Amino acid sequence: MQTDRFIWLLTRQLSGEISAEEQKELETMLLANPSLRRAREALVQYWHNSHKGGDEKGTRNAFNKLVSRMDDTVWPAIKPPATRRWWIPLLGAAAVLVLCAAALLWLLKEPALTSEYNTRGTRSLIKLADGTTVWLNADSELKYPARFKNGLREVYLKGEAYFDVAKDAESPFIVHTDKMDINVLGTSFNVRSYPDDSTSEATLISGVVEVALVKVPGKKFRLKPAEKFIIANQQDSVSERPEEPVISGATYFAKEDSVIVETAWVDNKLIFSDESFANLATRMERWYNVTIQFENTSIQQLRFTGLFKKETLIQALEALQLTEGFNYKIIEDRVIIY
């Protein structure tokens, strides 16, 4: 079972005995399963505490309580075969870790999640059980539980959303995406994580957030207000390592203006600043629920700065034509640029 294998690999890693192949297998499992990532983070913390003279008695008592709550359908499944006593080389805290991992994974079973998906051309406002407000952009999906449990508030995002998180110092709020996990206590920020885009971004408006890379769980970055975290969606094909993220300032539409480009969509504004036609076309596809094709690739390199709010698709295209020369034709829900 995956649970059994995860416990084995994690214990091998923490005891310093993991091979390169096993390390790669563990990273693949963590990348594919947010529950395992949460379990690993908690267990790594326990591991370090156990080596710093932590409360061993308290840890064991907590473990006993967890075991007493586990049913017979879970516990046998995570016990190693009697013929393969692989735990013998693991001493001290590592042996306890195996048992705690089993109990913790049982507790971290994900509750049923509600899924909200916006098609292209639509946006919505979602109120979570803790009072957090989420604006969900077009072509985006948010998964969240009806109620948050176990002192954690976790949601899963594919696409773009703006979060105004209700403050709760005892319950961190975590947004999981394919590329990063954003951890906050109470703040407002924007996350854009479309799989087809070249980058994923997290833009902090107020408060403090901590961003962790999914592929490098131990590497974390803290943002200050008006800062933007950018990570490439495609890894370096030569080194097979994820590119280093970049932290930059949020983009303002004009120097004398306080409007931030990254969050303007919440106010139904499509703002673009020195943006290539190729990137702008992708955003317009989601905004107007159309497909845009280029017959001339050189036109994709044209750059535009502007703002659309109530303009129709035709009005938007005509406005762009006033800046750069190109032609277009519309066939049903397709726009062909030439």
Protein backbone atom coordinates (compact mmCIF):
# COMPACT_ATOMS: atom_id res chain seq x y z
CA MET A 1 0.00 0.00 0.00
CA GLN A 2 1.09 3.58 -0.59
CA THR A 3 0.82 4.40 3.12
CA ASP A 4 3.13 1.55 4.09
CA ARG A 5 5.63 2.52 1.40
CA PHE A 6 5.54 6.19 2.40
CA ILE A 7 6.29 5.37 6.05
CA TRP A 8 9.19 3.18 4.97
CA LEU A 9 10.68 5.79 2.63
CA LEU A 10 10.28 8.68 5.08
CA THR A 11 11.89 6.69 7.87
CA ARG A 12 14.77 5.78 5.56
CA GLN A 13 15.20 9.46 4.69
CA LEU A 14 15.20 10.69 8.29
CA SER A 15 17.59 7.96 9.42
CA GLY A 16 20.01 8.91 6.62
CA GLU A 17 19.80 5.56 4.84
CA ILE A 18 17.69 6.46 1.81
CA SER A 19 19.10 5.72 -1.66
CA ALA A 20 18.90 8.08 -4.63
CA GLU A 21 16.18 5.94 -6.24
CA GLU A 22 14.15 5.87 -3.02
CA GLN A 23 14.55 9.64 -2.60
CA LYS A 24 13.17 10.18 -6.10
CA GLU A 25 10.26 7.82 -5.37
CA LEU A 26 9.45 9.70 -2.16
CA GLU A 27 9.52 13.07 -3.93
CA THR A 28 7.13 11.72 -6.58
CA MET A 29 4.70 10.53 -3.90
CA LEU A 30 4.82 13.89 -2.10
CA LEU A 31 4.25 15.78 -5.33
CA ALA A 32 1.15 13.74 -6.17
CA ASN A 33 -0.46 13.64 -2.72
CA PRO A 34 -1.03 16.76 -0.54
CA SER A 35 -1.96 14.56 2.44
CA LEU A 36 1.46 12.95 2.42
CA ARG A 37 3.11 16.37 2.18
CA ARG A 38 1.23 17.49 5.30
CA ALA A 39 2.18 14.30 7.11
CA ARG A 40 5.84 14.67 6.18
CA GLU A 41 5.99 18.26 7.42
CA ALA A 42 4.52 17.33 10.81
CA LEU A 43 6.70 14.25 11.19
CA VAL A 44 9.90 16.07 10.25
CA GLN A 45 9.12 18.58 12.98
CA TYR A 46 8.57 15.74 15.45
CA TRP A 47 11.83 14.10 14.37
CA HIS A 48 13.85 17.25 15.05
CA ASN A 49 12.13 17.80 18.39
CA SER A 50 12.91 14.24 19.47
CA HIS A 51 16.59 14.91 18.86
CA LYS A 52 16.52 18.12 20.91
CA GLY A 53 15.32 16.62 24.15
CA GLY A 54 11.62 17.03 23.37
CA ASP A 55 8.81 15.73 25.52
CA GLU A 56 9.16 12.03 24.74
CA LYS A 57 6.62 10.98 27.38
CA GLY A 58 4.06 13.43 26.02
CA THR A 59 4.69 12.22 22.50
CA ARG A 60 4.16 8.59 23.48
CA ASN A 61 0.97 9.39 25.39
CA ALA A 62 -0.39 11.28 22.39
CA PHE A 63 0.49 8.34 20.18
CA ASN A 64 -1.33 5.89 22.46
CA LYS A 65 -4.46 8.04 22.24
CA LEU A 66 -4.24 8.03 18.45
CA VAL A 67 -3.83 4.27 18.29
CA SER A 68 -6.86 3.75 20.52
CA ARG A 69 -8.99 5.65 17.97
CA MET A 70 -7.84 3.60 14.98
CA ASP A 71 -10.07 0.82 13.73
CA ASP A 72 -8.97 -2.69 12.74
CA THR A 73 -9.31 -1.94 9.04
CA VAL A 74 -6.52 0.65 9.21
CA TRP A 75 -3.98 -0.71 11.65
CA PRO A 76 -3.30 -4.13 10.04
CA ALA A 77 -2.86 -2.47 6.67
CA ILE A 78 0.10 -0.43 7.86
CA LYS A 79 1.86 -3.13 9.88
CA PRO A 80 4.93 -4.53 8.07
CA PRO A 81 4.97 -8.22 7.16
CA ALA A 82 6.19 -10.41 10.02
CA THR A 83 8.72 -12.09 7.75
CA ARG A 84 10.43 -8.81 6.91
CA ARG A 85 11.57 -7.09 10.09
CA TRP A 86 12.71 -3.96 8.29
CA TRP A 87 12.30 -1.81 11.40
CA ILE A 88 15.15 -3.45 13.30
CA PRO A 89 17.86 -1.10 11.95
CA LEU A 90 15.78 1.90 13.00
CA LEU A 91 16.62 2.97 16.52
CA GLY A 92 15.20 5.37 19.11
CA ALA A 93 13.02 8.12 17.70
CA ALA A 94 13.03 6.56 14.23
CA ALA A 95 11.16 3.49 15.49
CA VAL A 96 8.60 5.67 17.28
CA LEU A 97 8.33 7.73 14.10
CA VAL A 98 7.08 4.74 12.13
CA LEU A 99 4.19 4.25 14.53
CA CYS A 100 3.40 7.96 14.79
CA ALA A 101 3.40 8.23 11.01
CA ALA A 102 0.81 5.49 10.77
CA ALA A 103 -1.47 7.17 13.30
CA LEU A 104 -1.00 10.62 11.82
CA LEU A 105 -1.83 9.48 8.31
CA TRP A 106 -5.04 7.97 9.59
CA LEU A 107 -6.00 11.27 11.20
CA LEU A 108 -5.15 13.17 8.04
CA LYS A 109 -7.68 11.36 5.90
CA GLU A 110 -9.14 14.11 3.79
CA PRO A 111 -12.82 14.89 4.37
CA ALA A 112 -15.11 15.13 1.39
CA LEU A 113 -14.29 18.30 -0.50
CA THR A 114 -16.65 20.69 -2.22
CA SER A 115 -15.48 21.63 -5.70
CA GLU A 116 -16.34 24.96 -7.29
CA TYR A 117 -15.35 25.44 -10.94
CA ASN A 118 -15.77 28.57 -13.04
CA THR A 119 -15.90 28.21 -16.79
CA ARG A 120 -14.24 30.79 -19.02
CA GLY A 121 -15.96 34.15 -18.90
CA THR A 122 -17.28 33.68 -15.35
CA ARG A 123 -16.10 34.70 -11.88
CA SER A 124 -17.59 33.96 -8.46
CA LEU A 125 -17.44 34.84 -4.77
CA ILE A 126 -17.11 32.01 -2.23
CA LYS A 127 -17.54 32.24 1.54
CA LEU A 128 -15.73 29.53 3.50
CA ALA A 129 -16.89 28.16 6.84
CA ASP A 130 -14.28 30.13 8.82
CA GLY A 131 -15.33 33.46 7.30
CA THR A 132 -12.60 33.57 4.66
CA THR A 133 -13.69 35.19 1.40
CA VAL A 134 -12.46 33.85 -1.94
CA TRP A 135 -12.92 35.45 -5.36
CA LEU A 136 -12.49 32.70 -7.94
CA ASN A 137 -11.43 33.72 -11.44
CA ALA A 138 -12.45 32.25 -14.80
CA ASP A 139 -11.31 28.76 -15.81
CA SER A 140 -10.42 28.05 -12.17
CA GLU A 141 -11.30 25.39 -9.60
CA LEU A 142 -11.26 25.59 -5.80
CA LYS A 143 -11.69 22.53 -3.58
CA TYR A 144 -12.47 23.03 0.10
CA PRO A 145 -14.15 21.16 2.98
CA ALA A 146 -17.56 22.14 4.34
CA ARG A 147 -15.89 22.53 7.73
CA PHE A 148 -12.23 22.77 8.69
CA LYS A 149 -10.98 20.18 11.18
CA ASN A 150 -7.88 19.23 13.19
CA GLY A 151 -6.70 22.83 13.53
CA LEU A 152 -5.90 23.21 9.83
CA ARG A 153 -7.62 25.24 7.14
CA GLU A 154 -6.59 23.82 3.77
CA VAL A 155 -7.91 24.44 0.25
CA TYR A 156 -6.76 23.33 -3.20
CA LEU A 157 -6.55 25.70 -6.15
CA LYS A 158 -6.14 25.19 -9.87
CA GLY A 159 -6.27 28.53 -11.70
CA GLU A 160 -6.54 31.94 -10.03
CA ALA A 161 -8.15 33.20 -6.82
CA TYR A 162 -7.96 36.15 -4.46
CA PHE A 163 -8.12 35.27 -0.75
CA ASP A 164 -9.15 37.49 2.16
CA VAL A 165 -8.36 35.12 5.02
CA ALA A 166 -10.17 35.29 8.36
CA LYS A 167 -7.67 35.63 11.21
CA ASP A 168 -7.19 32.60 13.41
CA ALA A 169 -3.75 32.35 15.01
CA GLU A 170 -4.41 28.76 16.11
CA SER A 171 -5.39 27.50 12.65
CA PRO A 172 -3.04 28.26 9.75
CA PHE A 173 -4.64 28.69 6.33
CA ILE A 174 -2.87 26.80 3.52
CA VAL A 175 -3.50 27.06 -0.22
CA HIS A 176 -2.19 24.05 -2.15
CA THR A 177 -1.33 24.33 -5.86
CA ASP A 178 0.66 22.12 -8.22
CA LYS A 179 3.80 24.22 -7.76
CA MET A 180 3.59 25.76 -4.29
CA ASP A 181 1.89 25.75 -0.90
CA ILE A 182 1.03 29.15 0.59
CA ASN A 183 0.77 29.33 4.39
CA VAL A 184 -0.92 32.30 6.11
CA LEU A 185 -2.61 33.24 9.39
CA GLY A 186 -4.75 36.18 8.31
CA THR A 187 -4.09 38.26 5.23
CA SER A 188 -5.14 39.04 1.67
CA PHE A 189 -3.29 37.74 -1.37
CA ASN A 190 -3.71 36.58 -4.96
CA VAL A 191 -2.65 33.20 -6.36
CA ARG A 192 -2.41 32.40 -10.06
CA SER A 193 -1.59 28.80 -10.92
CA TYR A 194 -2.85 27.83 -14.36
CA PRO A 195 -1.06 24.68 -15.59
CA ASP A 196 -0.83 26.01 -19.16
CA ASP A 197 0.79 29.33 -18.18
CA SER A 198 4.56 29.73 -18.23
CA THR A 199 4.68 30.74 -14.55
CA SER A 200 2.72 30.51 -11.31
CA GLU A 201 2.49 33.53 -9.00
CA ALA A 202 1.51 34.53 -5.48
CA THR A 203 1.02 38.25 -4.84
CA LEU A 204 0.71 39.50 -1.26
CA ILE A 205 -1.55 42.51 -0.63
CA SER A 206 -1.50 42.68 3.18
CA GLY A 207 -0.18 40.63 6.09
CA VAL A 208 2.49 37.95 5.77
CA VAL A 209 2.58 34.71 3.78
CA GLU A 210 5.12 31.91 3.54
CA VAL A 211 5.49 30.07 0.25
CA ALA A 212 6.91 26.53 0.11
CA LEU A 213 7.88 24.79 -3.13
CA VAL A 214 6.13 21.46 -3.67
CA LYS A 215 9.26 19.88 -5.19
CA VAL A 216 11.53 21.27 -2.46
CA PRO A 217 9.38 21.04 0.71
CA GLY A 218 12.07 22.40 3.04
CA LYS A 219 12.64 25.57 1.02
CA LYS A 220 10.36 28.43 2.10
CA PHE A 221 10.05 32.09 1.11
CA ARG A 222 8.39 34.85 3.13
CA LEU A 223 6.67 37.70 1.29
CA LYS A 224 6.06 41.25 2.40
CA PRO A 225 3.06 43.34 1.26
CA ALA A 226 3.13 44.31 -2.44
CA GLU A 227 5.64 41.54 -3.21
CA LYS A 228 5.11 38.86 -5.84
CA PHE A 229 6.51 35.31 -5.85
CA ILE A 230 7.06 33.85 -9.34
CA ILE A 231 7.99 30.24 -10.17
CA ALA A 232 8.34 28.68 -13.63
CA ASN A 233 5.83 25.94 -14.42
CA GLN A 234 8.32 24.06 -16.58
CA GLN A 235 11.55 22.76 -15.11
CA ASP A 236 14.96 23.10 -16.70
CA SER A 237 15.08 20.25 -19.23
CA VAL A 238 18.89 20.07 -19.04
CA SER A 239 19.42 19.86 -15.27
CA GLU A 240 15.95 18.45 -14.49
CA ARG A 241 15.87 20.82 -11.52
CA PRO A 242 13.12 23.37 -10.88
CA GLU A 243 14.14 26.91 -11.75
CA GLU A 244 14.86 29.26 -8.87
CA PRO A 245 11.82 31.37 -7.96
CA VAL A 246 11.87 35.15 -8.25
CA ILE A 247 10.47 37.67 -5.77
CA SER A 248 9.57 41.02 -7.31
CA GLY A 249 7.27 43.94 -6.61
CA ALA A 250 3.61 43.90 -7.55
CA THR A 251 2.80 45.66 -10.84
CA TYR A 252 1.02 49.01 -10.64
CA PHE A 253 -0.96 50.20 -13.66
CA ALA A 254 0.51 53.69 -13.38
CA LYS A 255 3.04 55.28 -11.05
CA GLU A 256 0.44 57.64 -9.65
CA ASP A 257 -2.19 54.88 -9.42
CA SER A 258 -2.73 52.44 -6.53
CA VAL A 259 -4.40 49.83 -8.76
CA ILE A 260 -2.41 46.56 -8.73
CA VAL A 261 -2.50 44.70 -12.04
CA GLU A 262 -2.37 41.24 -10.42
CA THR A 263 -5.63 41.76 -8.45
CA ALA A 264 -7.58 44.12 -10.71
CA TRP A 265 -9.68 41.20 -12.03
CA VAL A 266 -11.48 41.10 -8.66
CA ASP A 267 -12.98 44.49 -9.60
CA ASN A 268 -13.88 43.18 -13.08
CA LYS A 269 -10.94 44.93 -14.70
CA LEU A 270 -8.62 43.25 -17.19
CA ILE A 271 -5.42 45.27 -16.85
CA PHE A 272 -2.23 44.57 -18.78
CA SER A 273 1.08 46.40 -18.58
CA ASP A 274 3.71 45.96 -21.32
CA GLU A 275 2.37 42.47 -21.94
CA SER A 276 3.01 40.37 -25.04
CA PHE A 277 0.06 39.69 -27.33
CA ALA A 278 0.56 35.96 -26.74
CA ASN A 279 0.12 36.30 -22.96
CA LEU A 280 -2.68 38.83 -23.31
CA ALA A 281 -4.52 36.51 -25.70
CA THR A 282 -4.47 33.74 -23.08
CA ARG A 283 -6.01 36.09 -20.52
CA MET A 284 -8.60 37.32 -23.04
CA GLU A 285 -9.59 33.73 -23.81
CA ARG A 286 -10.52 33.23 -20.15
CA TRP A 287 -12.09 36.68 -19.89
CA TYR A 288 -14.32 36.44 -22.97
CA ASN A 289 -14.72 32.65 -23.21
CA VAL A 290 -13.21 32.36 -26.68
CA THR A 291 -10.27 30.67 -28.40
CA ILE A 292 -7.66 32.95 -30.00
CA GLN A 293 -5.38 31.72 -32.78
CA PHE A 294 -2.44 33.50 -34.42
CA GLU A 295 -1.73 32.93 -38.10
CA ASN A 296 1.39 35.08 -37.94
CA THR A 297 3.71 34.23 -35.04
CA SER A 298 5.45 37.60 -35.19
CA ILE A 299 2.20 39.28 -34.10
CA GLN A 300 2.40 37.32 -30.84
CA GLN A 301 5.41 39.43 -29.86
CA LEU A 302 3.53 42.76 -30.02
CA ARG A 303 3.24 44.39 -26.59
CA PHE A 304 0.26 46.21 -25.11
CA THR A 305 -0.64 48.30 -22.07
CA GLY A 306 -4.26 49.05 -21.26
CA LEU A 307 -7.41 48.33 -19.31
CA PHE A 308 -10.69 46.64 -20.24
CA LYS A 309 -13.75 46.67 -18.03
CA LYS A 310 -17.08 46.82 -19.82
CA GLU A 311 -15.73 46.47 -23.36
CA THR A 312 -17.10 43.70 -25.51
CA LEU A 313 -14.70 41.38 -27.31
CA ILE A 314 -14.99 43.38 -30.55
CA GLN A 315 -14.47 46.68 -28.72
CA ALA A 316 -11.38 45.26 -27.01
CA LEU A 317 -9.87 44.04 -30.28
CA GLU A 318 -10.57 47.35 -31.99
CA ALA A 319 -8.90 49.21 -29.11
CA LEU A 320 -5.79 47.05 -29.52
CA GLN A 321 -5.78 47.75 -33.25
CA LEU A 322 -5.40 51.47 -32.51
CA THR A 323 -2.01 50.71 -30.93
CA GLU A 324 -0.59 48.03 -33.25
CA GLY A 325 -1.43 46.93 -36.75
CA PHE A 326 -3.13 43.55 -37.10
CA ASN A 327 -6.33 42.09 -38.49
CA TYR A 328 -8.79 39.63 -37.02
CA LYS A 329 -11.87 37.62 -37.89
CA ILE A 330 -14.36 35.92 -35.59
CA ILE A 331 -15.84 32.53 -36.45
CA GLU A 332 -18.33 31.47 -33.77
CA ASP A 333 -16.22 31.33 -30.57
CA ARG A 334 -12.85 31.48 -32.37
CA VAL A 335 -10.81 34.63 -32.96
CA ILE A 336 -8.19 34.41 -35.70
CA ILE A 337 -5.45 37.07 -35.59
CA TYR A 338 -3.45 37.74 -38.78
